């Protein structure tokens, strides 16, 4: 069974502690490490450090936004890291959200789907070593190519997409789709737009790797694991803009989503978390004792998540993260 790992808390933890988790994951057969990027440490620097300290585990940006770097610089960074890691990189791209893009990066959040298309259209030939001539709505490049030969002619590109139009774009152009808060029972809502985009490009939707972050917390104290996981979900639904709330609404949880947002606006974080029902928690996360978490993660795989990426929630202790990595290792999942 393919399993990946991401550490959202990596920016809070000592570097050596993070490296210890990654080395343990590598020894336990995890396929890949996915490093997010928000407004803390950048993904490429962290992955370069990990690349120098590991041998086999795949390395992925999960995600970098298409607003923070030019497409040429993004491709240079990706090609450099793929070379440094001896061909272990997957490039995860996304649009983030208006709050981060406009208030942190200071650029307008305009036409995100078109921007993503142009990034992929430019990054692909740069990473293949071709000379790039491109004319788009946002970017115009002429006459340049990388000054070194890329290690591989094609680095896999994953797109983190939630809305239908962005999903269609992923089906048309990406090697994989990266989901967040994915409800496996509703995976057909994802596959439909992916398939539409694939058809437009003359592709088989089965060629698109289905990967998804799965909130994961394993501990013998079941209620603690489930409480901090509820808090994590409430934070994203209530406090991180509209995209996550819209996703939950499409899943049929619109009433709960509205109440979570209301609690969040009123500063009632605890109340927002209690609104996350067992149904929602068990659909988008695995949290609890080891056996039930292994069974639940296996169910995610059976429903069509080809690459579940374990994501310990905010609030998970070091011991919880370590236990989760050990108990949900690929060899233990069968």
Protein backbone atom coordinates (compact mmCIF):
# COMPACT_ATOMS: atom_id res chain seq x y z
CA UNK A 1 0.00 0.00 0.00
CA UNK A 2 1.31 3.44 -0.94
CA UNK A 3 1.37 5.92 1.94
CA UNK A 4 2.78 9.43 2.13
CA UNK A 5 3.43 11.78 5.05
CA UNK A 6 3.15 15.50 5.66
CA UNK A 7 4.00 17.43 8.81
CA UNK A 8 1.97 20.62 9.08
CA UNK A 9 3.62 21.25 12.44
CA UNK A 10 7.07 21.06 10.88
CA UNK A 11 7.54 24.81 11.20
CA UNK A 12 7.01 24.62 14.97
CA UNK A 13 9.24 21.61 15.65
CA UNK A 14 13.02 21.47 16.00
CA UNK A 15 14.70 20.58 12.72
CA UNK A 16 16.31 17.43 14.10
CA UNK A 17 12.97 16.21 15.44
CA UNK A 18 11.35 16.64 12.02
CA UNK A 19 14.25 14.81 10.39
CA UNK A 20 13.81 11.99 12.87
CA UNK A 21 10.18 11.55 11.82
CA UNK A 22 11.13 11.59 8.15
CA UNK A 23 13.91 9.04 8.57
CA UNK A 24 11.55 6.80 10.51
CA UNK A 25 9.00 7.10 7.70
CA UNK A 26 11.64 6.23 5.13
CA UNK A 27 12.74 3.15 7.10
CA UNK A 28 9.09 2.08 7.44
CA UNK A 29 8.46 2.18 3.70
CA UNK A 30 6.57 5.43 3.26
CA UNK A 31 6.51 6.50 -0.37
CA UNK A 32 6.87 10.25 -0.06
CA UNK A 33 7.15 13.30 2.17
CA UNK A 34 4.95 16.29 1.25
CA UNK A 35 6.07 19.69 2.54
CA UNK A 36 3.52 22.53 2.55
CA UNK A 37 4.35 26.20 2.29
CA UNK A 38 2.35 29.01 3.85
CA UNK A 39 4.04 32.02 5.44
CA UNK A 40 6.77 30.22 7.36
CA UNK A 41 9.70 28.18 6.10
CA UNK A 42 9.72 27.71 2.34
CA UNK A 43 9.21 24.25 0.90
CA UNK A 44 12.26 24.01 -1.36
CA UNK A 45 14.80 24.81 1.37
CA UNK A 46 13.24 22.28 3.74
CA UNK A 47 13.10 19.60 1.04
CA UNK A 48 16.72 20.25 0.05
CA UNK A 49 17.78 19.60 3.64
CA UNK A 50 15.74 16.41 3.77
CA UNK A 51 17.12 15.30 0.39
CA UNK A 52 20.67 15.54 1.73
CA UNK A 53 19.75 13.46 4.80
CA UNK A 54 17.70 10.65 3.20
CA UNK A 55 18.18 8.09 0.44
CA UNK A 56 14.89 6.79 -0.93
CA UNK A 57 11.77 8.60 0.21
CA UNK A 58 10.08 10.72 -2.44
CA UNK A 59 10.04 14.49 -1.91
CA UNK A 60 7.08 16.66 -2.85
CA UNK A 61 5.97 20.24 -2.50
CA UNK A 62 2.54 20.05 -1.04
CA UNK A 63 1.87 22.73 -2.10
CA UNK A 64 3.66 25.78 -3.44
CA UNK A 65 1.42 28.49 -4.79
CA UNK A 66 1.46 29.79 -8.35
CA UNK A 67 1.46 33.39 -7.07
CA UNK A 68 4.68 33.53 -5.03
CA UNK A 69 7.29 32.80 -7.73
CA UNK A 70 7.53 33.32 -11.44
CA UNK A 71 6.96 30.09 -13.38
CA UNK A 72 10.57 30.14 -14.58
CA UNK A 73 11.94 30.46 -11.04
CA UNK A 74 9.58 27.75 -9.84
CA UNK A 75 10.86 25.46 -12.59
CA UNK A 76 14.50 26.31 -11.76
CA UNK A 77 13.90 25.41 -8.11
CA UNK A 78 12.13 22.18 -9.05
CA UNK A 79 14.83 21.12 -11.51
CA UNK A 80 17.57 21.91 -8.99
CA UNK A 81 15.88 19.89 -6.23
CA UNK A 82 15.15 16.98 -8.56
CA UNK A 83 18.84 16.91 -9.49
CA UNK A 84 19.98 17.20 -5.87
CA UNK A 85 17.64 14.40 -4.77
CA UNK A 86 18.56 12.14 -7.72
CA UNK A 87 15.10 12.21 -9.25
CA UNK A 88 12.86 12.05 -6.18
CA UNK A 89 10.77 15.20 -6.64
CA UNK A 90 7.05 15.61 -7.28
CA UNK A 91 5.89 19.18 -7.78
CA UNK A 92 2.65 20.02 -6.01
CA UNK A 93 1.04 23.27 -7.15
CA UNK A 94 -1.99 25.20 -5.97
CA UNK A 95 -3.56 28.63 -5.78
CA UNK A 96 -3.80 28.98 -1.97
CA UNK A 97 -6.45 31.61 -1.19
CA UNK A 98 -7.08 35.35 -1.47
CA UNK A 99 -6.15 36.11 2.15
CA UNK A 100 -2.65 34.63 1.86
CA UNK A 101 -1.99 35.79 -1.69
CA UNK A 102 -3.15 39.40 -1.27
CA UNK A 103 -2.25 40.07 2.35
CA UNK A 104 1.04 38.15 2.52
CA UNK A 105 2.40 38.04 -1.02
CA UNK A 106 0.86 41.38 -1.89
CA UNK A 107 -0.36 40.45 -5.37
CA UNK A 108 -3.90 40.35 -6.75
CA UNK A 109 -5.71 37.03 -6.59
CA UNK A 110 -6.84 37.16 -10.20
CA UNK A 111 -8.00 34.35 -12.48
CA UNK A 112 -6.38 31.49 -10.52
CA UNK A 113 -7.30 28.77 -13.02
CA UNK A 114 -5.79 30.60 -15.98
CA UNK A 115 -2.70 31.34 -13.92
CA UNK A 116 -2.32 27.67 -12.98
CA UNK A 117 -2.66 26.67 -16.63
CA UNK A 118 0.09 29.05 -17.68
CA UNK A 119 2.40 27.85 -14.90
CA UNK A 120 2.04 24.24 -15.98
CA UNK A 121 2.41 25.18 -19.65
CA UNK A 122 5.71 26.90 -18.84
CA UNK A 123 7.10 24.61 -16.14
CA UNK A 124 6.72 21.46 -18.27
CA UNK A 125 9.08 22.53 -21.09
CA UNK A 126 11.55 24.17 -18.69
CA UNK A 127 11.84 20.94 -16.70
CA UNK A 128 12.32 18.95 -19.90
CA UNK A 129 15.26 21.14 -20.92
CA UNK A 130 13.53 22.70 -23.92
CA UNK A 131 13.99 26.28 -25.05
CA UNK A 132 10.86 28.12 -23.94
CA UNK A 133 8.82 30.43 -26.13
CA UNK A 134 5.44 31.13 -24.60
CA UNK A 135 2.76 33.77 -24.95
CA UNK A 136 -0.05 33.85 -22.40
CA UNK A 137 -2.37 36.25 -20.61
CA UNK A 138 -0.02 36.54 -17.65
CA UNK A 139 3.40 35.46 -18.89
CA UNK A 140 5.46 35.88 -22.04
CA UNK A 141 8.81 34.07 -22.24
CA UNK A 142 11.23 33.99 -25.13
CA UNK A 143 14.45 32.23 -26.02
CA UNK A 144 15.72 30.87 -22.69
CA UNK A 145 16.36 27.34 -21.48
CA UNK A 146 17.87 25.89 -18.31
CA UNK A 147 21.66 26.22 -18.12
CA UNK A 148 22.00 22.63 -16.90
CA UNK A 149 20.54 19.38 -18.18
CA UNK A 150 17.55 18.23 -16.09
CA UNK A 151 17.92 14.86 -14.41
CA UNK A 152 14.56 13.65 -15.76
CA UNK A 153 12.58 14.74 -18.81
CA UNK A 154 9.35 14.86 -16.80
CA UNK A 155 8.81 15.69 -13.12
CA UNK A 156 5.32 14.66 -11.92
CA UNK A 157 3.02 17.61 -11.31
CA UNK A 158 0.15 17.39 -8.84
CA UNK A 159 -2.50 20.09 -8.56
CA UNK A 160 -4.32 20.76 -5.31
CA UNK A 161 -7.85 21.55 -6.47
CA UNK A 162 -11.19 21.83 -4.70
CA UNK A 163 -13.56 23.52 -7.14
CA UNK A 164 -14.98 21.85 -10.28
CA UNK A 165 -13.18 24.10 -12.80
CA UNK A 166 -9.82 23.61 -11.16
CA UNK A 167 -10.49 19.87 -11.03
CA UNK A 168 -11.13 19.90 -14.78
CA UNK A 169 -7.81 21.66 -15.28
CA UNK A 170 -6.10 18.98 -13.18
CA UNK A 171 -7.66 16.27 -15.32
CA UNK A 172 -6.47 18.02 -18.44
CA UNK A 173 -2.87 18.84 -17.49
CA UNK A 174 -1.68 17.25 -14.23
CA UNK A 175 -0.11 13.89 -13.43
CA UNK A 176 -1.96 13.78 -10.14
CA UNK A 177 -4.61 15.43 -8.03
CA UNK A 178 -3.93 16.38 -4.41
CA UNK A 179 -6.97 16.59 -2.16
CA UNK A 180 -7.53 18.12 1.25
CA UNK A 181 -10.37 17.13 3.61
CA UNK A 182 -11.45 14.59 1.02
CA UNK A 183 -14.59 12.64 1.85
CA UNK A 184 -14.17 9.27 0.11
CA UNK A 185 -17.94 8.64 -0.13
CA UNK A 186 -18.12 11.77 -2.28
CA UNK A 187 -15.14 10.95 -4.47
CA UNK A 188 -17.35 10.82 -7.56
CA UNK A 189 -17.75 14.59 -7.19
CA UNK A 190 -14.00 14.73 -7.74
CA UNK A 191 -13.74 12.11 -10.46
CA UNK A 192 -16.43 13.70 -12.65
CA UNK A 193 -14.63 16.99 -13.34
CA UNK A 194 -11.26 15.19 -13.50
CA UNK A 195 -12.66 12.88 -16.17
CA UNK A 196 -14.13 15.81 -18.11
CA UNK A 197 -10.75 17.50 -18.20
CA UNK A 198 -9.01 14.28 -19.16
CA UNK A 199 -11.42 13.73 -22.06
CA UNK A 200 -10.75 17.24 -23.31
CA UNK A 201 -7.04 16.39 -23.46
CA UNK A 202 -7.59 12.93 -24.95
CA UNK A 203 -6.40 11.27 -21.77
CA UNK A 204 -7.62 8.36 -19.66
CA UNK A 205 -8.67 9.60 -16.23
CA UNK A 206 -7.10 6.45 -14.82
CA UNK A 207 -3.71 7.95 -15.62
CA UNK A 208 -4.25 10.62 -12.97
CA UNK A 209 -2.90 9.69 -9.55
CA UNK A 210 -5.45 10.34 -6.78
CA UNK A 211 -3.62 11.56 -3.68
CA UNK A 212 -5.15 13.17 -0.62
CA UNK A 213 -4.13 14.46 2.77
CA UNK A 214 -5.83 12.39 5.45
CA UNK A 215 -5.90 13.86 8.95
CA UNK A 216 -4.40 11.09 11.06
CA UNK A 217 -3.89 10.78 14.79
CA UNK A 218 -3.27 7.42 16.49
CA UNK A 219 -3.21 7.13 20.26
CA UNK A 220 -4.62 4.86 22.92
CA UNK A 221 -6.50 7.87 24.31
CA UNK A 222 -9.16 7.85 21.63
CA UNK A 223 -11.04 10.93 22.78
CA UNK A 224 -7.92 13.10 22.84
CA UNK A 225 -7.10 12.08 19.28
CA UNK A 226 -10.61 12.85 18.10
CA UNK A 227 -10.84 16.14 20.00
CA UNK A 228 -7.71 17.66 18.46
CA UNK A 229 -8.75 16.40 15.04
CA UNK A 230 -12.16 18.08 15.39
CA UNK A 231 -10.35 21.28 16.37
CA UNK A 232 -8.18 21.07 13.26
CA UNK A 233 -11.18 20.62 10.94
CA UNK A 234 -13.04 23.50 12.61
CA UNK A 235 -10.02 25.78 12.15
CA UNK A 236 -9.96 25.20 8.42
CA UNK A 237 -13.73 25.36 7.94
CA UNK A 238 -14.22 28.38 10.17
CA UNK A 239 -11.02 30.35 9.85
CA UNK A 240 -9.27 29.70 6.54
CA UNK A 241 -11.41 31.55 4.01
CA UNK A 242 -14.21 30.14 1.89
CA UNK A 243 -12.75 27.22 -0.06
CA UNK A 244 -12.87 24.62 2.72
CA UNK A 245 -16.33 25.74 3.79
CA UNK A 246 -17.58 25.47 0.22
CA UNK A 247 -16.10 21.97 -0.01
CA UNK A 248 -17.92 20.85 3.15
CA UNK A 249 -21.13 22.33 1.80
CA UNK A 250 -20.78 20.37 -1.45
CA UNK A 251 -20.47 17.24 0.68
CA UNK A 252 -23.89 17.99 2.16
CA UNK A 253 -22.76 19.51 5.45
CA UNK A 254 -23.83 23.07 4.70
CA UNK A 255 -25.82 23.62 7.88
CA UNK A 256 -22.97 22.47 10.11
CA UNK A 257 -20.49 24.52 8.09
CA UNK A 258 -22.54 27.70 8.58
CA UNK A 259 -22.74 27.10 12.33
CA UNK A 260 -18.99 26.44 12.56
CA UNK A 261 -18.29 29.70 10.74
CA UNK A 262 -20.66 31.58 13.03
CA UNK A 263 -18.95 30.21 16.14
CA UNK A 264 -15.58 31.08 14.68
CA UNK A 265 -16.58 34.68 13.97
CA UNK A 266 -17.80 34.98 17.56
CA UNK A 267 -14.49 33.66 18.91
CA UNK A 268 -16.00 30.41 20.18
CA UNK A 269 -13.31 28.01 18.97
CA UNK A 270 -14.30 25.23 21.34
CA UNK A 271 -17.93 25.47 20.27
CA UNK A 272 -16.92 25.32 16.61
CA UNK A 273 -14.99 22.10 17.23
CA UNK A 274 -17.87 20.38 19.01
CA UNK A 275 -20.02 20.91 15.90
CA UNK A 276 -17.77 18.57 13.90
CA UNK A 277 -19.83 15.39 14.17
CA UNK A 278 -18.57 11.81 14.27
CA UNK A 279 -19.91 11.42 10.74
CA UNK A 280 -17.76 14.26 9.42
CA UNK A 281 -14.73 13.25 11.46
CA UNK A 282 -14.84 9.63 10.33
CA UNK A 283 -15.35 10.64 6.71
CA UNK A 284 -12.36 12.95 6.32
CA UNK A 285 -9.97 11.70 9.04
CA UNK A 286 -8.64 8.67 10.89
CA UNK A 287 -8.41 9.36 14.60
CA UNK A 288 -8.42 7.01 17.52
CA UNK A 289 -6.88 3.69 18.51
CA UNK A 290 -4.44 1.82 16.22
CA UNK A 291 -6.71 -0.93 14.88
CA UNK A 292 -9.62 1.35 14.02
CA UNK A 293 -7.27 3.83 12.33
CA UNK A 294 -5.66 1.11 10.20
CA UNK A 295 -9.09 -0.13 9.16
CA UNK A 296 -10.28 3.37 8.37
CA UNK A 297 -7.20 4.19 6.30
CA UNK A 298 -7.71 0.94 4.39
CA UNK A 299 -11.27 2.08 3.69
CA UNK A 300 -9.96 5.34 2.22
CA UNK A 301 -7.81 3.30 -0.13
CA UNK A 302 -10.71 1.04 -1.11
CA UNK A 303 -12.83 4.08 -1.97
CA UNK A 304 -10.23 5.29 -4.48
CA UNK A 305 -7.55 7.29 -2.64
CA UNK A 306 -4.51 5.73 -4.29
CA UNK A 307 -2.03 7.69 -2.19
CA UNK A 308 -3.25 8.65 1.28
CA UNK A 309 -0.89 11.21 2.82
CA UNK A 310 -0.97 11.11 6.60
CA UNK A 311 -1.42 14.55 8.12
CA UNK A 312 -1.12 14.77 11.93
CA UNK A 313 -3.46 17.54 13.11
CA UNK A 314 -2.45 20.73 14.84
CA UNK A 315 -2.17 19.93 18.52
CA UNK A 316 -0.70 16.45 18.04
CA UNK A 317 2.23 15.88 20.38
CA UNK A 318 5.54 14.44 19.26
CA UNK A 319 4.57 11.12 20.79
CA UNK A 320 1.31 11.11 18.83
CA UNK A 321 3.08 11.88 15.56
CA UNK A 322 5.62 9.13 16.17
CA UNK A 323 2.90 6.63 17.08
CA UNK A 324 0.85 7.55 14.02
CA UNK A 325 3.81 7.08 11.68
CA UNK A 326 4.60 3.70 13.22
CA UNK A 327 1.07 2.31 13.48
CA UNK A 328 -0.01 3.38 9.96
CA UNK A 329 3.17 2.31 8.18
CA UNK A 330 2.55 0.61 4.79
CA UNK A 331 3.67 -2.82 6.02
CA UNK A 332 1.07 -2.74 8.80
CA UNK A 333 -1.78 -1.92 6.45
CA UNK A 334 -1.54 -5.06 4.35
